[in-house]
N, C-alpha and C. Protein backbone atom coordinates (compact mmCIF):
# COMPACT_ATOMS: atom_id res chain seq x y z
N MET A 1 100.46 250.63 298.00
CA MET A 1 100.10 250.12 296.71
C MET A 1 100.68 248.71 296.55
N ASN A 2 99.93 247.79 296.02
CA ASN A 2 100.40 246.43 295.79
C ASN A 2 101.04 246.33 294.42
N SER A 3 102.21 245.71 294.38
CA SER A 3 102.97 245.56 293.15
C SER A 3 103.59 244.18 293.10
N VAL A 4 104.31 243.92 292.04
CA VAL A 4 105.03 242.67 291.85
C VAL A 4 106.51 243.00 291.74
N TYR A 5 107.35 242.23 292.42
CA TYR A 5 108.80 242.33 292.28
C TYR A 5 109.23 241.16 291.41
N LEU A 6 109.89 241.47 290.30
CA LEU A 6 110.29 240.45 289.34
C LEU A 6 111.79 240.61 289.08
N LYS A 7 112.56 239.56 289.38
CA LYS A 7 114.01 239.62 289.22
C LYS A 7 114.49 238.44 288.38
N PHE A 8 115.34 238.75 287.41
CA PHE A 8 115.93 237.74 286.53
C PHE A 8 117.41 237.60 286.84
N TYR A 9 117.92 236.38 286.69
CA TYR A 9 119.33 236.09 286.94
C TYR A 9 120.00 235.69 285.63
N LEU A 10 121.12 236.32 285.31
CA LEU A 10 121.87 235.99 284.12
C LEU A 10 123.34 236.32 284.35
N THR A 11 124.16 236.14 283.33
CA THR A 11 125.55 236.57 283.44
C THR A 11 125.75 237.77 282.53
N GLU A 12 126.77 238.54 282.85
CA GLU A 12 126.96 239.81 282.14
C GLU A 12 127.32 239.64 280.67
N LYS A 13 127.72 238.46 280.23
CA LYS A 13 128.09 238.29 278.82
C LYS A 13 126.97 237.70 277.96
N GLN A 14 125.82 237.37 278.52
CA GLN A 14 124.73 236.79 277.74
C GLN A 14 124.17 237.80 276.75
N HIS A 15 123.91 237.34 275.54
CA HIS A 15 123.36 238.18 274.47
C HIS A 15 122.06 237.60 273.94
N HIS A 16 121.25 238.47 273.37
CA HIS A 16 120.02 238.06 272.69
C HIS A 16 119.78 239.05 271.56
N HIS A 17 119.59 238.56 270.36
CA HIS A 17 119.40 239.39 269.17
C HIS A 17 120.52 240.43 269.01
N GLY A 18 121.76 240.00 269.28
CA GLY A 18 122.92 240.85 269.04
C GLY A 18 123.19 241.92 270.08
N LYS A 19 122.47 241.92 271.18
CA LYS A 19 122.76 242.90 272.24
C LYS A 19 122.83 242.19 273.57
N LEU A 20 123.42 242.87 274.55
CA LEU A 20 123.49 242.29 275.89
C LEU A 20 122.08 241.98 276.37
N LEU A 21 121.91 240.81 276.96
CA LEU A 21 120.59 240.38 277.41
C LEU A 21 120.02 241.34 278.44
N GLN A 22 120.86 241.88 279.32
CA GLN A 22 120.37 242.82 280.32
C GLN A 22 119.80 244.07 279.65
N GLU A 23 120.42 244.55 278.59
CA GLU A 23 119.90 245.71 277.86
C GLU A 23 118.62 245.35 277.12
N TRP A 24 118.59 244.15 276.52
CA TRP A 24 117.40 243.71 275.82
C TRP A 24 116.20 243.65 276.76
N LEU A 25 116.42 243.11 277.97
CA LEU A 25 115.33 243.02 278.95
C LEU A 25 114.81 244.41 279.33
N LEU A 26 115.73 245.34 279.60
CA LEU A 26 115.30 246.70 279.96
C LEU A 26 114.51 247.35 278.82
N GLU A 27 115.02 247.22 277.59
CA GLU A 27 114.33 247.81 276.45
C GLU A 27 112.96 247.18 276.22
N LYS A 28 112.87 245.85 276.36
CA LYS A 28 111.60 245.17 276.16
C LYS A 28 110.60 245.61 277.23
N ALA A 29 111.04 245.69 278.48
CA ALA A 29 110.15 246.13 279.57
C ALA A 29 109.68 247.56 279.32
N LYS A 30 110.58 248.43 278.91
CA LYS A 30 110.21 249.82 278.63
C LYS A 30 109.17 249.89 277.52
N SER A 31 109.34 249.07 276.47
CA SER A 31 108.39 249.09 275.36
C SER A 31 107.00 248.60 275.78
N LEU A 32 106.93 247.80 276.85
CA LEU A 32 105.65 247.32 277.36
C LEU A 32 104.99 248.31 278.32
N GLY A 33 105.72 249.38 278.67
CA GLY A 33 105.17 250.37 279.58
C GLY A 33 105.53 250.15 281.03
N VAL A 34 106.50 249.28 281.30
CA VAL A 34 106.95 249.07 282.68
C VAL A 34 107.62 250.36 283.14
N PRO A 35 107.27 250.86 284.35
CA PRO A 35 107.75 252.17 284.78
C PRO A 35 109.24 252.28 285.08
N GLY A 36 109.94 251.18 285.26
CA GLY A 36 111.38 251.26 285.51
C GLY A 36 111.98 249.90 285.78
N GLY A 37 113.28 249.81 285.62
CA GLY A 37 114.00 248.58 285.88
C GLY A 37 115.45 248.90 286.19
N SER A 38 116.14 247.97 286.82
CA SER A 38 117.53 248.18 287.20
C SER A 38 118.33 246.92 286.96
N VAL A 39 119.64 247.11 286.71
CA VAL A 39 120.57 246.00 286.53
C VAL A 39 121.65 246.14 287.60
N PHE A 40 121.94 245.02 288.29
CA PHE A 40 122.96 244.99 289.32
C PHE A 40 123.94 243.88 289.01
N ARG A 41 125.23 244.19 289.05
CA ARG A 41 126.27 243.19 288.83
C ARG A 41 126.81 242.74 290.17
N ALA A 42 126.91 241.45 290.35
CA ALA A 42 127.41 240.88 291.60
C ALA A 42 128.93 240.84 291.59
N VAL A 43 129.52 240.78 292.77
CA VAL A 43 130.97 240.59 292.87
C VAL A 43 131.32 239.11 292.92
N ALA A 44 130.33 238.27 293.26
CA ALA A 44 130.52 236.83 293.28
C ALA A 44 129.16 236.15 293.35
N GLY A 45 129.13 234.88 292.94
CA GLY A 45 127.89 234.12 293.04
C GLY A 45 128.01 232.78 292.35
N TYR A 46 127.00 231.93 292.59
CA TYR A 46 126.91 230.67 291.86
C TYR A 46 125.44 230.38 291.62
N GLY A 47 125.19 229.57 290.62
CA GLY A 47 123.82 229.26 290.25
C GLY A 47 123.55 227.78 290.31
N ARG A 48 122.55 227.37 289.55
CA ARG A 48 122.07 226.00 289.62
C ARG A 48 123.10 224.97 289.20
N HIS A 49 124.15 225.37 288.48
CA HIS A 49 125.18 224.42 288.08
C HIS A 49 126.32 224.33 289.09
N GLY A 50 126.30 225.19 290.11
CA GLY A 50 127.27 225.11 291.19
C GLY A 50 128.63 225.72 290.92
N HIS A 51 128.82 226.32 289.75
CA HIS A 51 130.11 226.93 289.43
C HIS A 51 130.17 228.33 290.05
N ILE A 52 131.19 228.60 290.86
CA ILE A 52 131.33 229.91 291.49
C ILE A 52 132.03 230.87 290.53
N HIS A 53 131.43 232.02 290.36
CA HIS A 53 132.00 233.10 289.56
C HIS A 53 132.29 234.24 290.52
N GLU A 54 133.50 234.79 290.43
CA GLU A 54 133.80 235.93 291.29
C GLU A 54 134.70 236.91 290.57
N GLU A 55 134.60 238.15 291.00
CA GLU A 55 135.38 239.21 290.39
C GLU A 55 136.82 239.10 290.85
N SER A 56 137.73 239.11 289.90
CA SER A 56 139.15 239.13 290.21
C SER A 56 139.86 239.79 289.05
N PHE A 57 141.12 240.09 289.24
CA PHE A 57 141.90 240.74 288.20
C PHE A 57 141.97 239.88 286.94
N PHE A 58 142.04 238.57 287.11
CA PHE A 58 142.23 237.68 285.98
C PHE A 58 140.92 237.27 285.29
N GLU A 59 139.81 237.49 285.93
CA GLU A 59 138.54 237.10 285.31
C GLU A 59 137.91 238.30 284.62
N LEU A 60 138.17 238.40 283.34
CA LEU A 60 137.65 239.52 282.56
C LEU A 60 136.72 239.03 281.46
N ALA A 61 136.27 237.78 281.56
CA ALA A 61 135.50 237.17 280.48
C ALA A 61 134.00 237.46 280.55
N GLY A 62 133.54 238.18 281.56
CA GLY A 62 132.13 238.51 281.62
C GLY A 62 131.25 237.43 282.20
N GLU A 63 131.77 236.65 283.12
CA GLU A 63 131.02 235.54 283.71
C GLU A 63 130.33 235.92 285.02
N LEU A 64 130.43 237.16 285.43
CA LEU A 64 129.84 237.55 286.71
C LEU A 64 128.32 237.55 286.63
N PRO A 65 127.68 237.17 287.75
CA PRO A 65 126.21 237.18 287.79
C PRO A 65 125.66 238.61 287.69
N VAL A 66 124.52 238.71 287.04
CA VAL A 66 123.81 239.98 286.89
C VAL A 66 122.36 239.74 287.29
N GLN A 67 121.78 240.72 287.98
CA GLN A 67 120.36 240.67 288.33
C GLN A 67 119.67 241.83 287.62
N VAL A 68 118.59 241.53 286.94
CA VAL A 68 117.77 242.55 286.31
C VAL A 68 116.43 242.52 287.03
N GLU A 69 116.05 243.65 287.63
CA GLU A 69 114.85 243.63 288.45
C GLU A 69 113.89 244.77 288.11
N PHE A 70 112.62 244.45 288.37
CA PHE A 70 111.53 245.38 288.09
C PHE A 70 110.54 245.35 289.24
N VAL A 71 109.94 246.49 289.54
CA VAL A 71 108.77 246.56 290.42
C VAL A 71 107.66 247.11 289.52
N LEU A 72 106.62 246.29 289.32
CA LEU A 72 105.61 246.59 288.33
C LEU A 72 104.28 246.00 288.74
N ASP A 73 103.26 246.27 287.96
CA ASP A 73 101.96 245.68 288.28
C ASP A 73 101.87 244.27 287.71
N ASP A 74 100.88 243.53 288.14
CA ASP A 74 100.72 242.13 287.76
C ASP A 74 100.56 241.97 286.24
N LYS A 75 99.82 242.86 285.62
CA LYS A 75 99.59 242.80 284.18
C LYS A 75 100.90 242.89 283.41
N HIS A 76 101.74 243.88 283.77
CA HIS A 76 103.02 244.05 283.09
C HIS A 76 103.97 242.89 283.38
N ALA A 77 103.94 242.34 284.59
CA ALA A 77 104.78 241.18 284.92
C ALA A 77 104.42 240.01 284.02
N ASN A 78 103.12 239.75 283.86
CA ASN A 78 102.67 238.66 282.99
C ASN A 78 103.06 238.90 281.53
N GLN A 79 102.93 240.15 281.08
CA GLN A 79 103.31 240.48 279.70
C GLN A 79 104.81 240.25 279.48
N LEU A 80 105.63 240.73 280.40
CA LEU A 80 107.07 240.59 280.26
C LEU A 80 107.49 239.12 280.26
N LEU A 81 106.93 238.34 281.18
CA LEU A 81 107.23 236.91 281.21
C LEU A 81 106.77 236.23 279.92
N GLY A 82 105.64 236.65 279.38
CA GLY A 82 105.14 236.08 278.13
C GLY A 82 106.06 236.38 276.96
N VAL A 83 106.57 237.60 276.88
CA VAL A 83 107.49 237.98 275.80
C VAL A 83 108.78 237.18 275.91
N ILE A 84 109.30 237.04 277.12
CA ILE A 84 110.55 236.30 277.33
C ILE A 84 110.36 234.83 276.94
N THR A 85 109.24 234.25 277.32
CA THR A 85 108.94 232.86 276.96
C THR A 85 108.79 232.72 275.45
N ALA A 86 108.09 233.65 274.81
CA ALA A 86 107.90 233.60 273.37
C ALA A 86 109.22 233.72 272.61
N GLU A 87 110.20 234.39 273.20
CA GLU A 87 111.52 234.54 272.58
C GLU A 87 112.37 233.28 272.74
N GLY A 88 111.87 232.31 273.51
CA GLY A 88 112.60 231.07 273.72
C GLY A 88 113.71 231.16 274.74
N LEU A 89 113.69 232.21 275.55
CA LEU A 89 114.72 232.39 276.58
C LEU A 89 114.39 231.53 277.80
N ASN A 90 115.41 230.96 278.40
CA ASN A 90 115.25 230.12 279.58
C ASN A 90 115.98 230.81 280.74
N LEU A 91 115.31 231.76 281.38
CA LEU A 91 115.93 232.56 282.43
C LEU A 91 115.38 232.22 283.81
N PRO A 92 116.25 231.98 284.78
CA PRO A 92 115.76 231.83 286.15
C PRO A 92 115.24 233.18 286.65
N TYR A 93 114.15 233.15 287.42
CA TYR A 93 113.59 234.38 287.96
C TYR A 93 112.90 234.12 289.29
N VAL A 94 112.67 235.21 290.02
CA VAL A 94 111.82 235.18 291.21
C VAL A 94 110.74 236.23 291.02
N ARG A 95 109.56 235.93 291.56
CA ARG A 95 108.43 236.85 291.46
C ARG A 95 107.67 236.76 292.77
N TYR A 96 107.41 237.91 293.38
CA TYR A 96 106.58 237.91 294.56
C TYR A 96 105.87 239.24 294.73
N ALA A 97 104.81 239.21 295.50
CA ALA A 97 104.01 240.42 295.76
C ALA A 97 104.73 241.30 296.77
N VAL A 98 104.71 242.60 296.53
CA VAL A 98 105.33 243.56 297.43
C VAL A 98 104.40 244.76 297.61
N GLU A 99 104.61 245.45 298.69
CA GLU A 99 103.91 246.71 298.92
C GLU A 99 104.88 247.83 298.61
N THR A 100 104.45 248.81 297.81
CA THR A 100 105.32 249.92 297.42
C THR A 100 104.69 251.24 297.83
N GLY A 101 105.51 252.24 297.90
CA GLY A 101 105.06 253.58 298.25
C GLY A 101 106.25 254.52 298.33
N THR A 102 106.01 255.70 298.84
CA THR A 102 107.08 256.66 299.05
C THR A 102 106.98 257.18 300.48
N THR A 103 108.12 257.60 300.99
CA THR A 103 108.16 258.15 302.34
C THR A 103 108.02 259.67 302.26
N GLY A 104 107.77 260.28 303.37
CA GLY A 104 107.70 261.72 303.39
C GLY A 104 106.28 262.25 303.44
N ALA A 105 106.18 263.54 303.44
CA ALA A 105 104.89 264.22 303.55
C ALA A 105 104.09 264.06 302.26
N GLN A 106 102.81 263.84 302.41
CA GLN A 106 101.91 263.78 301.28
C GLN A 106 101.55 265.18 300.84
N GLN A 107 101.57 265.45 299.56
CA GLN A 107 101.24 266.78 299.04
C GLN A 107 99.80 266.82 298.61
């Protein structure tokens, strides 16, 4: 099956409408009918501004990179990107075509 892989990059402390941005993205995608999404927190990373963020005992401010990703159809990817743009959010993302399926015996 052909699908779209859509991944957004943010930091764990970003908020939108009073909630964590990662939670807002998942809720918005779910309301659009996207079949699922995941959030992954990095142990280290840097972005377009070149500042390295890494997990350590002293860094408790929520600056670690977070990835929010979805595997969905093209229609839902366009809808989700449209909602994010309409909200005025400026989020870096990657989008590419993927083949999806399941392993194992067909029933």
